[in-house]
N, C-alpha and C. Protein backbone atom coordinates (compact mmCIF):
# COMPACT_ATOMS: atom_id res chain seq x y z
N MET A 1 -30.95 19.63 114.34
CA MET A 1 -32.39 19.79 114.42
C MET A 1 -32.96 20.15 113.05
N MET A 2 -32.26 21.02 112.33
CA MET A 2 -32.72 21.43 111.01
C MET A 2 -32.72 20.24 110.06
N ARG A 3 -31.68 19.39 110.16
CA ARG A 3 -31.60 18.23 109.29
C ARG A 3 -32.78 17.28 109.56
N PHE A 4 -33.14 17.12 110.82
CA PHE A 4 -34.28 16.27 111.18
C PHE A 4 -35.56 16.81 110.55
N LYS A 5 -35.73 18.12 110.59
CA LYS A 5 -36.93 18.74 110.01
C LYS A 5 -36.97 18.50 108.50
N LEU A 6 -35.82 18.61 107.83
CA LEU A 6 -35.77 18.38 106.39
C LEU A 6 -36.09 16.93 106.06
N ILE A 7 -35.55 16.01 106.84
CA ILE A 7 -35.85 14.59 106.62
C ILE A 7 -37.33 14.32 106.84
N LEU A 8 -37.88 14.88 107.90
CA LEU A 8 -39.30 14.70 108.20
C LEU A 8 -40.16 15.30 107.09
N LEU A 9 -39.80 16.49 106.63
CA LEU A 9 -40.54 17.14 105.55
C LEU A 9 -40.47 16.32 104.27
N ARG A 10 -39.28 15.81 103.93
CA ARG A 10 -39.12 14.98 102.73
C ARG A 10 -39.96 13.71 102.84
N SER A 11 -39.91 13.07 104.00
CA SER A 11 -40.69 11.85 104.21
C SER A 11 -42.18 12.12 104.08
N TRP A 12 -42.63 13.22 104.66
CA TRP A 12 -44.04 13.58 104.58
C TRP A 12 -44.42 13.89 103.13
N GLY A 13 -43.53 14.57 102.42
CA GLY A 13 -43.79 14.91 101.02
C GLY A 13 -43.88 13.68 100.14
N ILE A 14 -42.99 12.71 100.36
CA ILE A 14 -43.04 11.46 99.59
C ILE A 14 -44.32 10.70 99.89
N SER A 15 -44.71 10.67 101.17
CA SER A 15 -45.95 9.98 101.54
C SER A 15 -47.15 10.63 100.87
N LEU A 16 -47.19 11.95 100.88
CA LEU A 16 -48.28 12.67 100.25
C LEU A 16 -48.30 12.42 98.74
N LEU A 17 -47.12 12.42 98.13
CA LEU A 17 -47.01 12.14 96.69
C LEU A 17 -47.52 10.73 96.39
N ALA A 18 -47.13 9.77 97.21
CA ALA A 18 -47.56 8.39 97.00
C ALA A 18 -49.07 8.28 97.10
N VAL A 19 -49.65 8.89 98.11
CA VAL A 19 -51.11 8.85 98.28
C VAL A 19 -51.79 9.48 97.08
N ALA A 20 -51.34 10.66 96.69
CA ALA A 20 -51.96 11.35 95.55
C ALA A 20 -51.81 10.54 94.28
N PHE A 21 -50.64 9.96 94.09
CA PHE A 21 -50.38 9.20 92.87
C PHE A 21 -51.29 7.99 92.77
N PHE A 22 -51.35 7.20 93.83
CA PHE A 22 -52.14 5.98 93.77
C PHE A 22 -53.63 6.23 93.83
N VAL A 23 -54.07 7.22 94.58
CA VAL A 23 -55.49 7.54 94.61
C VAL A 23 -55.91 8.16 93.29
N GLY A 24 -55.08 9.05 92.77
CA GLY A 24 -55.40 9.71 91.51
C GLY A 24 -55.42 8.77 90.32
N HIS A 25 -54.65 7.70 90.38
CA HIS A 25 -54.55 6.77 89.26
C HIS A 25 -55.30 5.46 89.53
N ALA A 26 -56.11 5.46 90.56
CA ALA A 26 -56.73 4.21 91.00
C ALA A 26 -57.53 3.50 89.91
N SER A 27 -58.33 4.23 89.18
CA SER A 27 -59.13 3.52 88.19
C SER A 27 -58.89 4.02 86.78
N ALA A 28 -58.68 5.29 86.63
CA ALA A 28 -58.58 5.86 85.29
C ALA A 28 -57.31 5.42 84.57
N GLU A 29 -56.25 5.13 85.29
CA GLU A 29 -54.98 4.88 84.63
C GLU A 29 -54.37 3.56 85.07
N GLU A 30 -55.12 2.52 85.03
CA GLU A 30 -54.56 1.21 85.32
C GLU A 30 -53.73 0.75 84.13
N ALA A 31 -52.94 -0.27 84.35
CA ALA A 31 -52.14 -0.81 83.26
C ALA A 31 -53.07 -1.41 82.21
N ARG A 32 -52.62 -1.37 80.98
CA ARG A 32 -53.45 -1.82 79.86
C ARG A 32 -53.78 -3.31 79.96
N THR A 33 -55.00 -3.63 79.68
CA THR A 33 -55.42 -5.03 79.53
C THR A 33 -56.31 -5.17 78.30
N ASP A 34 -56.28 -4.17 77.43
CA ASP A 34 -57.11 -4.18 76.23
C ASP A 34 -56.29 -3.90 74.97
N ASP A 35 -55.03 -4.25 75.01
CA ASP A 35 -54.14 -3.96 73.89
C ASP A 35 -54.22 -5.08 72.85
N ASP A 36 -53.81 -4.78 71.63
CA ASP A 36 -53.77 -5.79 70.58
C ASP A 36 -52.69 -6.84 70.85
N ASP A 37 -51.72 -6.48 71.67
CA ASP A 37 -50.64 -7.40 72.02
C ASP A 37 -51.03 -8.18 73.28
N PRO A 38 -51.25 -9.49 73.17
CA PRO A 38 -51.68 -10.28 74.33
C PRO A 38 -50.68 -10.25 75.49
N MET A 39 -49.39 -10.11 75.19
CA MET A 39 -48.39 -10.07 76.26
C MET A 39 -48.57 -8.82 77.12
N VAL A 40 -48.87 -7.69 76.49
CA VAL A 40 -49.12 -6.46 77.23
C VAL A 40 -50.33 -6.65 78.15
N ASN A 41 -51.35 -7.33 77.65
CA ASN A 41 -52.54 -7.57 78.46
C ASN A 41 -52.25 -8.44 79.68
N VAL A 42 -51.46 -9.50 79.50
CA VAL A 42 -51.10 -10.38 80.60
C VAL A 42 -50.29 -9.59 81.63
N GLN A 43 -49.33 -8.82 81.16
CA GLN A 43 -48.53 -8.01 82.08
C GLN A 43 -49.39 -6.98 82.79
N GLY A 44 -50.35 -6.42 82.10
CA GLY A 44 -51.24 -5.43 82.69
C GLY A 44 -52.02 -5.98 83.86
N VAL A 45 -52.48 -7.21 83.75
CA VAL A 45 -53.20 -7.85 84.85
C VAL A 45 -52.29 -7.94 86.07
N GLY A 46 -51.05 -8.38 85.87
CA GLY A 46 -50.10 -8.48 86.98
C GLY A 46 -49.80 -7.14 87.61
N VAL A 47 -49.58 -6.13 86.78
CA VAL A 47 -49.31 -4.78 87.27
C VAL A 47 -50.48 -4.28 88.10
N ASN A 48 -51.69 -4.46 87.60
CA ASN A 48 -52.87 -3.98 88.32
C ASN A 48 -53.03 -4.66 89.67
N ARG A 49 -52.67 -5.94 89.76
CA ARG A 49 -52.76 -6.65 91.04
C ARG A 49 -51.73 -6.10 92.04
N VAL A 50 -50.52 -5.84 91.55
CA VAL A 50 -49.48 -5.27 92.43
C VAL A 50 -49.92 -3.88 92.91
N LEU A 51 -50.41 -3.06 92.00
CA LEU A 51 -50.81 -1.71 92.36
C LEU A 51 -52.02 -1.70 93.28
N ALA A 52 -52.90 -2.68 93.17
CA ALA A 52 -54.05 -2.78 94.08
C ALA A 52 -53.57 -2.93 95.52
N VAL A 53 -52.53 -3.72 95.73
CA VAL A 53 -51.97 -3.88 97.07
C VAL A 53 -51.43 -2.55 97.57
N LEU A 54 -50.68 -1.86 96.73
CA LEU A 54 -50.07 -0.61 97.16
C LEU A 54 -51.08 0.52 97.30
N ARG A 55 -52.17 0.46 96.58
CA ARG A 55 -53.22 1.47 96.77
C ARG A 55 -53.86 1.30 98.15
N HIS A 56 -53.84 0.10 98.66
CA HIS A 56 -54.40 -0.17 99.98
C HIS A 56 -53.60 0.54 101.07
N VAL A 57 -52.27 0.62 100.90
CA VAL A 57 -51.38 1.32 101.83
C VAL A 57 -50.36 2.09 100.97
N PRO A 58 -50.73 3.26 100.47
CA PRO A 58 -49.88 3.98 99.53
C PRO A 58 -48.48 4.33 100.06
N ASP A 59 -48.35 4.51 101.36
CA ASP A 59 -47.04 4.84 101.91
C ASP A 59 -46.02 3.73 101.72
N ALA A 60 -46.46 2.54 101.38
CA ALA A 60 -45.55 1.40 101.20
C ALA A 60 -44.81 1.47 99.86
N ALA A 61 -45.23 2.35 98.97
CA ALA A 61 -44.58 2.46 97.65
C ALA A 61 -43.28 3.24 97.76
N SER A 62 -42.22 2.67 97.24
CA SER A 62 -40.91 3.32 97.25
C SER A 62 -40.81 4.33 96.11
N ASP A 63 -39.78 5.16 96.18
CA ASP A 63 -39.52 6.11 95.09
C ASP A 63 -39.30 5.38 93.77
N SER A 64 -38.58 4.26 93.81
CA SER A 64 -38.32 3.52 92.58
C SER A 64 -39.62 2.97 91.99
N CYS A 65 -40.53 2.57 92.83
CA CYS A 65 -41.84 2.11 92.36
C CYS A 65 -42.60 3.25 91.70
N LEU A 66 -42.65 4.38 92.37
CA LEU A 66 -43.37 5.53 91.81
C LEU A 66 -42.78 5.96 90.47
N ASN A 67 -41.46 5.94 90.38
CA ASN A 67 -40.80 6.28 89.11
C ASN A 67 -41.14 5.28 88.02
N ALA A 68 -41.17 4.00 88.36
CA ALA A 68 -41.50 2.97 87.38
C ALA A 68 -42.93 3.11 86.89
N VAL A 69 -43.85 3.41 87.80
CA VAL A 69 -45.25 3.60 87.40
C VAL A 69 -45.37 4.83 86.50
N GLY A 70 -44.63 5.89 86.83
CA GLY A 70 -44.65 7.09 85.99
C GLY A 70 -44.16 6.80 84.58
N ALA A 71 -43.09 6.02 84.47
CA ALA A 71 -42.56 5.67 83.15
C ALA A 71 -43.57 4.81 82.38
N MET A 72 -44.24 3.90 83.09
CA MET A 72 -45.23 3.05 82.43
C MET A 72 -46.39 3.89 81.89
N HIS A 73 -46.86 4.83 82.70
CA HIS A 73 -47.96 5.68 82.25
C HIS A 73 -47.55 6.54 81.07
N LYS A 74 -46.30 6.99 81.05
CA LYS A 74 -45.80 7.77 79.91
C LYS A 74 -45.83 6.93 78.63
N ALA A 75 -45.39 5.67 78.74
CA ALA A 75 -45.41 4.78 77.57
C ALA A 75 -46.85 4.48 77.14
N GLN A 76 -47.76 4.33 78.11
CA GLN A 76 -49.16 4.10 77.77
C GLN A 76 -49.72 5.27 76.98
N LYS A 77 -49.40 6.48 77.40
CA LYS A 77 -49.89 7.67 76.69
C LYS A 77 -49.31 7.73 75.28
N GLN A 78 -48.04 7.37 75.13
CA GLN A 78 -47.44 7.34 73.79
C GLN A 78 -48.16 6.34 72.91
N LEU A 79 -48.44 5.18 73.45
CA LEU A 79 -49.13 4.15 72.67
C LEU A 79 -50.53 4.61 72.29
N GLU A 80 -51.23 5.23 73.22
CA GLU A 80 -52.57 5.74 72.91
C GLU A 80 -52.53 6.76 71.78
N GLY A 81 -51.43 7.52 71.73
CA GLY A 81 -51.31 8.55 70.69
C GLY A 81 -51.10 8.00 69.30
N ILE A 82 -50.55 6.80 69.18
CA ILE A 82 -50.26 6.26 67.84
C ILE A 82 -51.05 5.01 67.50
N GLU A 83 -51.78 4.45 68.45
CA GLU A 83 -52.42 3.16 68.18
C GLU A 83 -53.57 3.22 67.18
N ASN A 84 -54.10 4.39 66.91
CA ASN A 84 -55.16 4.48 65.90
C ASN A 84 -54.62 4.23 64.50
N ASN A 85 -53.32 4.32 64.36
CA ASN A 85 -52.68 4.08 63.08
C ASN A 85 -51.81 2.82 63.20
N GLU A 86 -52.40 1.67 63.00
CA GLU A 86 -51.68 0.40 63.14
C GLU A 86 -50.51 0.27 62.17
N ASP A 87 -50.49 1.10 61.12
CA ASP A 87 -49.39 1.07 60.16
C ASP A 87 -48.18 1.87 60.63
N ASP A 88 -48.31 2.56 61.75
CA ASP A 88 -47.21 3.37 62.27
C ASP A 88 -46.04 2.44 62.62
N PRO A 89 -44.87 2.69 62.05
CA PRO A 89 -43.74 1.79 62.31
C PRO A 89 -43.26 1.84 63.76
N ASP A 90 -43.63 2.87 64.50
CA ASP A 90 -43.19 3.00 65.88
C ASP A 90 -44.05 2.22 66.88
N ILE A 91 -45.19 1.70 66.42
CA ILE A 91 -46.11 1.06 67.36
C ILE A 91 -45.49 -0.17 68.03
N ALA A 92 -44.74 -0.94 67.29
CA ALA A 92 -44.09 -2.13 67.89
C ALA A 92 -43.04 -1.71 68.90
N LEU A 93 -42.30 -0.66 68.60
CA LEU A 93 -41.28 -0.16 69.52
C LEU A 93 -41.92 0.36 70.81
N VAL A 94 -43.00 1.12 70.68
CA VAL A 94 -43.68 1.67 71.86
C VAL A 94 -44.27 0.53 72.70
N ARG A 95 -44.80 -0.50 72.05
CA ARG A 95 -45.31 -1.65 72.81
C ARG A 95 -44.18 -2.36 73.56
N ASP A 96 -43.02 -2.45 72.93
CA ASP A 96 -41.86 -3.06 73.61
C ASP A 96 -41.44 -2.22 74.82
N VAL A 97 -41.43 -0.91 74.66
CA VAL A 97 -41.09 -0.03 75.78
C VAL A 97 -42.11 -0.18 76.88
N LEU A 98 -43.39 -0.20 76.53
CA LEU A 98 -44.44 -0.37 77.53
C LEU A 98 -44.28 -1.70 78.25
N SER A 99 -44.01 -2.76 77.51
CA SER A 99 -43.82 -4.07 78.12
C SER A 99 -42.65 -4.06 79.10
N SER A 100 -41.57 -3.42 78.72
CA SER A 100 -40.39 -3.30 79.60
C SER A 100 -40.73 -2.49 80.84
N ASP A 101 -41.46 -1.40 80.65
CA ASP A 101 -41.86 -0.57 81.80
C ASP A 101 -42.79 -1.34 82.74
N MET A 102 -43.66 -2.18 82.17
CA MET A 102 -44.54 -3.00 83.01
C MET A 102 -43.72 -4.00 83.83
N GLU A 103 -42.70 -4.58 83.21
CA GLU A 103 -41.81 -5.49 83.94
C GLU A 103 -41.15 -4.76 85.10
N ASP A 104 -40.73 -3.53 84.86
CA ASP A 104 -40.11 -2.73 85.92
C ASP A 104 -41.09 -2.47 87.06
N VAL A 105 -42.34 -2.18 86.72
CA VAL A 105 -43.35 -1.94 87.77
C VAL A 105 -43.55 -3.21 88.59
N VAL A 106 -43.66 -4.35 87.93
CA VAL A 106 -43.86 -5.60 88.66
C VAL A 106 -42.65 -5.88 89.56
N THR A 107 -41.45 -5.58 89.08
CA THR A 107 -40.24 -5.81 89.88
C THR A 107 -40.16 -4.83 91.04
N MET A 108 -40.21 -3.54 90.75
CA MET A 108 -40.03 -2.51 91.78
C MET A 108 -41.20 -2.46 92.75
N CYS A 109 -42.38 -2.34 92.21
CA CYS A 109 -43.56 -2.22 93.06
C CYS A 109 -43.93 -3.57 93.67
N GLY A 110 -43.63 -4.65 92.93
CA GLY A 110 -43.91 -5.98 93.46
C GLY A 110 -43.12 -6.25 94.72
N ALA A 111 -41.88 -5.78 94.77
CA ALA A 111 -41.06 -5.95 95.99
C ALA A 111 -41.69 -5.18 97.15
N ASP A 112 -42.17 -3.98 96.88
CA ASP A 112 -42.84 -3.19 97.93
C ASP A 112 -44.12 -3.89 98.39
N ALA A 113 -44.87 -4.40 97.42
CA ALA A 113 -46.13 -5.08 97.75
C ALA A 113 -45.87 -6.35 98.56
N GLN A 114 -44.85 -7.11 98.18
CA GLN A 114 -44.53 -8.34 98.92
C GLN A 114 -44.12 -8.02 100.35
N THR A 115 -43.33 -6.98 100.52
CA THR A 115 -42.92 -6.57 101.87
C THR A 115 -44.14 -6.18 102.69
N LEU A 116 -45.02 -5.38 102.11
CA LEU A 116 -46.24 -4.97 102.79
C LEU A 116 -47.08 -6.19 103.18
N CYS A 117 -47.19 -7.13 102.26
CA CYS A 117 -47.99 -8.33 102.53
C CYS A 117 -47.40 -9.14 103.68
N ARG A 118 -46.07 -9.29 103.68
CA ARG A 118 -45.43 -10.04 104.77
C ARG A 118 -45.65 -9.36 106.13
N GLU A 119 -45.61 -8.04 106.13
CA GLU A 119 -45.68 -7.30 107.38
C GLU A 119 -47.10 -7.07 107.89
N LYS A 120 -48.08 -6.91 106.99
CA LYS A 120 -49.39 -6.45 107.44
C LYS A 120 -50.60 -7.28 107.02
N ALA A 121 -50.42 -8.24 106.12
CA ALA A 121 -51.59 -8.98 105.62
C ALA A 121 -52.30 -9.74 106.73
N GLY A 122 -51.56 -10.20 107.73
CA GLY A 122 -52.18 -10.93 108.84
C GLY A 122 -53.08 -10.09 109.71
N GLN A 123 -52.96 -8.78 109.59
CA GLN A 123 -53.74 -7.86 110.42
C GLN A 123 -54.90 -7.21 109.66
N ASP A 124 -55.01 -7.48 108.37
CA ASP A 124 -55.98 -6.79 107.53
C ASP A 124 -56.52 -7.77 106.48
N ALA A 125 -57.77 -8.18 106.65
CA ALA A 125 -58.36 -9.18 105.75
C ALA A 125 -58.44 -8.67 104.31
N GLY A 126 -58.73 -7.39 104.13
CA GLY A 126 -58.80 -6.83 102.78
C GLY A 126 -57.44 -6.87 102.09
N LEU A 127 -56.41 -6.53 102.84
CA LEU A 127 -55.06 -6.58 102.29
C LEU A 127 -54.66 -8.03 102.01
N ALA A 128 -55.01 -8.94 102.89
CA ALA A 128 -54.68 -10.35 102.69
C ALA A 128 -55.28 -10.87 101.39
N LYS A 129 -56.49 -10.47 101.08
CA LYS A 129 -57.14 -10.89 99.84
C LYS A 129 -56.40 -10.35 98.62
N LEU A 130 -55.98 -9.09 98.69
CA LEU A 130 -55.22 -8.50 97.60
C LEU A 130 -53.86 -9.18 97.46
N CYS A 131 -53.24 -9.50 98.58
CA CYS A 131 -51.93 -10.16 98.56
C CYS A 131 -52.02 -11.54 97.93
N ALA A 132 -53.10 -12.23 98.18
CA ALA A 132 -53.28 -13.58 97.62
C ALA A 132 -53.36 -13.54 96.10
N ALA A 133 -53.74 -12.41 95.54
CA ALA A 133 -53.89 -12.29 94.08
C ALA A 133 -52.61 -11.79 93.40
N LEU A 134 -51.56 -11.52 94.17
CA LEU A 134 -50.32 -11.03 93.56
C LEU A 134 -49.76 -12.05 92.57
N PRO A 135 -49.09 -11.55 91.53
CA PRO A 135 -48.45 -12.47 90.58
C PRO A 135 -47.42 -13.33 91.30
N HIS A 136 -47.33 -14.57 90.89
CA HIS A 136 -46.38 -15.50 91.49
C HIS A 136 -44.98 -15.20 90.99
N ASP A 137 -44.04 -15.11 91.90
CA ASP A 137 -42.65 -14.84 91.55
C ASP A 137 -41.92 -16.17 91.43
N SER A 138 -41.44 -16.50 90.25
CA SER A 138 -40.79 -17.80 90.04
C SER A 138 -39.52 -17.95 90.87
N SER A 139 -38.93 -16.85 91.34
CA SER A 139 -37.74 -16.97 92.19
C SER A 139 -38.10 -17.54 93.55
N ASP A 140 -39.40 -17.48 93.92
CA ASP A 140 -39.83 -18.10 95.17
C ASP A 140 -39.66 -19.61 95.14
N ASP A 141 -39.76 -20.20 93.95
CA ASP A 141 -39.66 -21.65 93.81
C ASP A 141 -38.25 -22.16 94.15
N ALA A 142 -37.27 -21.33 93.96
CA ALA A 142 -35.90 -21.75 94.20
C ALA A 142 -35.54 -21.76 95.68
N GLN A 143 -36.37 -21.12 96.48
CA GLN A 143 -36.08 -21.04 97.92
C GLN A 143 -36.69 -22.17 98.68
């Protein structure tokens, strides 16, 4: 019985964390789409589309997704701290890290978003619209 309570408490805590994370980051901390690096901007659009789906149903976000988003936001903050000095030798490295973190978000959170879309988009027109805007996964072409 105690183990059940711990599992229930952990599940409730993760759900609450997911809701707080996605609601708290809904507009102020979206992925970058205004960077000097066009690749970061393209990736940012994809990340924002994936996160829009998960903001619609925050409980659908897995721990791995939340961790990936946290890492991406950390890299964004690092980039913001040095981007005023374009001569900083670390700026290219931080952009590479941010780009990698964005790929992780699209992979981790994209899987959660795709699952949510398969399971619930037919029941929710707003979610269906967000799902239609998800980045296309080239691995779908092989199936």
